[in-house]
């Protein structure tokens, strides 16, 4: 069974940057697309960005467009999200999963991003 481990979160001041990583392990991993999702306290999970696994198509939510860059390294079964100009409203737990429909059994522990004002 495929598992993912997210990392790279932390506490950062507004205007700062972070690079999140997602490493997938397990049996052959060939999704059509992978995405980053986030959940802020008391809010529903939100799709942040996505990238086709064997192409270059990307998607960004309006809330991060122009401030985020998603990328993947298929050889390493890894997904990345670089976020710049972070805002307090970016505070959330960030997860990676298949896109556009997350795989129920693929949710990891996530990585906490906290942006202080």
C-alpha atoms as a PDB file:
ATOM      1  CA  UNK A   1       0.000   0.000   0.000  1.00  0.00           C
ATOM      2  CA  UNK A   2       1.253   3.469  -0.861  1.00  0.00           C
ATOM      3  CA  UNK A   3       1.909   5.860   1.984  1.00  0.00           C
ATOM      4  CA  UNK A   4       2.869   9.521   1.972  1.00  0.00           C
ATOM      5  CA  UNK A   5       4.874  11.563   4.419  1.00  0.00           C
ATOM      6  CA  UNK A   6       4.644  15.334   4.358  1.00  0.00           C
ATOM      7  CA  UNK A   7       7.371  17.562   5.752  1.00  0.00           C
ATOM      8  CA  UNK A   8       8.763  21.064   5.608  1.00  0.00           C
ATOM      9  CA  UNK A   9       6.188  22.956   7.611  1.00  0.00           C
ATOM     10  CA  UNK A  10       6.999  25.242  10.463  1.00  0.00           C
ATOM     11  CA  UNK A  11       6.512  28.627  12.044  1.00  0.00           C
ATOM     12  CA  UNK A  12       7.273  31.533   9.766  1.00  0.00           C
ATOM     13  CA  UNK A  13       6.605  35.247   9.827  1.00  0.00           C
ATOM     14  CA  UNK A  14       4.239  36.825   7.371  1.00  0.00           C
ATOM     15  CA  UNK A  15       6.037  37.483   4.117  1.00  0.00           C
ATOM     16  CA  UNK A  16       8.297  34.495   4.565  1.00  0.00           C
ATOM     17  CA  UNK A  17       8.670  31.336   2.509  1.00  0.00           C
ATOM     18  CA  UNK A  18       8.449  27.602   2.991  1.00  0.00           C
ATOM     19  CA  UNK A  19       9.038  24.548   0.823  1.00  0.00           C
ATOM     20  CA  UNK A  20       6.830  21.588   1.622  1.00  0.00           C
ATOM     21  CA  UNK A  21       7.759  18.072   0.571  1.00  0.00           C
ATOM     22  CA  UNK A  22       5.725  14.918   0.136  1.00  0.00           C
ATOM     23  CA  UNK A  23       7.377  11.544  -0.255  1.00  0.00           C
ATOM     24  CA  UNK A  24       5.379   8.549  -1.409  1.00  0.00           C
ATOM     25  CA  UNK A  25       6.502   5.037  -0.648  1.00  0.00           C
ATOM     26  CA  UNK A  26       5.131   1.597  -1.231  1.00  0.00           C
ATOM     27  CA  UNK A  27       4.075  -0.270  -4.332  1.00  0.00           C
ATOM     28  CA  UNK A  28       4.235   1.272  -7.785  1.00  0.00           C
ATOM     29  CA  UNK A  29       3.000   4.830  -7.594  1.00  0.00           C
ATOM     30  CA  UNK A  30       1.427   6.137 -10.783  1.00  0.00           C
ATOM     31  CA  UNK A  31      -1.287   8.664 -10.065  1.00  0.00           C
ATOM     32  CA  UNK A  32      -2.731  10.810 -12.811  1.00  0.00           C
ATOM     33  CA  UNK A  33      -2.183  13.910 -10.709  1.00  0.00           C
ATOM     34  CA  UNK A  34      -1.124  14.877  -7.222  1.00  0.00           C
ATOM     35  CA  UNK A  35      -2.154  17.830  -5.178  1.00  0.00           C
ATOM     36  CA  UNK A  36      -1.623  19.734  -1.999  1.00  0.00           C
ATOM     37  CA  UNK A  37      -4.557  20.252   0.294  1.00  0.00           C
ATOM     38  CA  UNK A  38      -4.818  22.193   3.520  1.00  0.00           C
ATOM     39  CA  UNK A  39      -7.124  22.395   6.488  1.00  0.00           C
ATOM     40  CA  UNK A  40      -7.230  25.365   8.782  1.00  0.00           C
ATOM     41  CA  UNK A  41      -8.723  25.077  12.277  1.00  0.00           C
ATOM     42  CA  UNK A  42     -12.490  24.940  12.083  1.00  0.00           C
ATOM     43  CA  UNK A  43     -12.531  24.947   8.304  1.00  0.00           C
ATOM     44  CA  UNK A  44     -13.064  22.343   5.623  1.00  0.00           C
ATOM     45  CA  UNK A  45     -10.180  20.894   3.695  1.00  0.00           C
ATOM     46  CA  UNK A  46      -9.206  23.009   0.702  1.00  0.00           C
ATOM     47  CA  UNK A  47      -7.398  22.116  -2.502  1.00  0.00           C
ATOM     48  CA  UNK A  48      -4.358  24.371  -2.834  1.00  0.00           C
ATOM     49  CA  UNK A  49      -2.465  23.216  -5.910  1.00  0.00           C
ATOM     50  CA  UNK A  50      -2.122  20.231  -8.197  1.00  0.00           C
ATOM     51  CA  UNK A  51       0.164  18.930 -10.906  1.00  0.00           C
ATOM     52  CA  UNK A  52      -0.240  16.188 -13.466  1.00  0.00           C
ATOM     53  CA  UNK A  53       2.145  13.378 -12.661  1.00  0.00           C
ATOM     54  CA  UNK A  54       3.337  12.817 -16.220  1.00  0.00           C
ATOM     55  CA  UNK A  55       3.022  16.264 -17.631  1.00  0.00           C
ATOM     56  CA  UNK A  56       3.239  19.885 -16.725  1.00  0.00           C
ATOM     57  CA  UNK A  57      -0.352  20.875 -16.152  1.00  0.00           C
ATOM     58  CA  UNK A  58      -0.796  22.721 -12.898  1.00  0.00           C
ATOM     59  CA  UNK A  59      -3.650  24.135 -10.896  1.00  0.00           C
ATOM     60  CA  UNK A  60      -3.581  26.769  -8.180  1.00  0.00           C
ATOM     61  CA  UNK A  61      -6.346  27.944  -5.933  1.00  0.00           C
ATOM     62  CA  UNK A  62      -7.007  31.657  -6.210  1.00  0.00           C
ATOM     63  CA  UNK A  63      -5.899  32.039  -2.605  1.00  0.00           C
ATOM     64  CA  UNK A  64      -2.310  31.019  -3.452  1.00  0.00           C
ATOM     65  CA  UNK A  65      -2.042  31.888  -7.133  1.00  0.00           C
ATOM     66  CA  UNK A  66       1.140  33.866  -7.782  1.00  0.00           C
ATOM     67  CA  UNK A  67       2.613  32.871  -4.424  1.00  0.00           C
ATOM     68  CA  UNK A  68       2.902  29.098  -4.782  1.00  0.00           C
ATOM     69  CA  UNK A  69       4.736  26.741  -7.099  1.00  0.00           C
ATOM     70  CA  UNK A  70       3.975  23.034  -7.214  1.00  0.00           C
ATOM     71  CA  UNK A  71       6.424  20.568  -8.665  1.00  0.00           C
ATOM     72  CA  UNK A  72       7.117  16.859  -8.695  1.00  0.00           C
ATOM     73  CA  UNK A  73      10.019  14.489  -9.056  1.00  0.00           C
ATOM     74  CA  UNK A  74       8.599  11.301 -10.464  1.00  0.00           C
ATOM     75  CA  UNK A  75      11.854   9.405 -10.071  1.00  0.00           C
ATOM     76  CA  UNK A  76      11.722  10.089  -6.348  1.00  0.00           C
ATOM     77  CA  UNK A  77       7.939   9.753  -6.034  1.00  0.00           C
ATOM     78  CA  UNK A  78       8.014  13.189  -4.473  1.00  0.00           C
ATOM     79  CA  UNK A  79       5.852  16.270  -4.584  1.00  0.00           C
ATOM     80  CA  UNK A  80       6.782  19.776  -3.534  1.00  0.00           C
ATOM     81  CA  UNK A  81       5.045  23.033  -2.787  1.00  0.00           C
ATOM     82  CA  UNK A  82       7.006  26.238  -2.519  1.00  0.00           C
ATOM     83  CA  UNK A  83       5.093  29.091  -0.996  1.00  0.00           C
ATOM     84  CA  UNK A  84       6.238  32.682  -0.843  1.00  0.00           C
ATOM     85  CA  UNK A  85       4.802  35.849   0.649  1.00  0.00           C
ATOM     86  CA  UNK A  86       3.075  33.747   3.276  1.00  0.00           C
ATOM     87  CA  UNK A  87       0.055  35.223   5.017  1.00  0.00           C
ATOM     88  CA  UNK A  88      -1.512  34.388   8.372  1.00  0.00           C
ATOM     89  CA  UNK A  89      -4.467  32.923   6.471  1.00  0.00           C
ATOM     90  CA  UNK A  90      -2.104  30.303   5.028  1.00  0.00           C
ATOM     91  CA  UNK A  91      -1.898  28.778   8.503  1.00  0.00           C
ATOM     92  CA  UNK A  92      -3.135  25.206   8.218  1.00  0.00           C
ATOM     93  CA  UNK A  93      -2.104  21.578   8.143  1.00  0.00           C
ATOM     94  CA  UNK A  94      -0.960  20.756   4.619  1.00  0.00           C
ATOM     95  CA  UNK A  95      -1.472  17.335   3.074  1.00  0.00           C
ATOM     96  CA  UNK A  96      -0.618  15.757  -0.242  1.00  0.00           C
ATOM     97  CA  UNK A  97      -2.921  13.335  -1.981  1.00  0.00           C
ATOM     98  CA  UNK A  98      -4.160  12.312  -5.400  1.00  0.00           C
ATOM     99  CA  UNK A  99      -5.981  14.961  -7.358  1.00  0.00           C
ATOM    100  CA  UNK A 100      -8.711  15.871  -8.069  1.00  0.00           C
ATOM    101  CA  UNK A 101     -10.221  13.172  -5.903  1.00  0.00           C
ATOM    102  CA  UNK A 102      -8.153  12.420  -2.817  1.00  0.00           C
ATOM    103  CA  UNK A 103      -7.574   8.764  -2.039  1.00  0.00           C
ATOM    104  CA  UNK A 104      -9.119   7.974   1.320  1.00  0.00           C
ATOM    105  CA  UNK A 105      -6.340   5.635   2.381  1.00  0.00           C
ATOM    106  CA  UNK A 106      -3.572   8.032   1.338  1.00  0.00           C
ATOM    107  CA  UNK A 107      -4.061  10.801   3.865  1.00  0.00           C
ATOM    108  CA  UNK A 108      -0.852  11.259   5.831  1.00  0.00           C
ATOM    109  CA  UNK A 109      -0.178  13.121   9.040  1.00  0.00           C
ATOM    110  CA  UNK A 110       0.280  16.366   7.202  1.00  0.00           C
ATOM    111  CA  UNK A 111       2.713  19.137   8.013  1.00  0.00           C
ATOM    112  CA  UNK A 112       1.745  22.170  10.075  1.00  0.00           C
ATOM    113  CA  UNK A 113       2.333  25.607   8.615  1.00  0.00           C
ATOM    114  CA  UNK A 114       1.900  28.515  10.997  1.00  0.00           C
ATOM    115  CA  UNK A 115       2.291  32.060   9.760  1.00  0.00           C
ATOM    116  CA  UNK A 116       2.585  34.753  12.378  1.00  0.00           C
ATOM    117  CA  UNK A 117       1.559  38.314  11.699  1.00  0.00           C
END
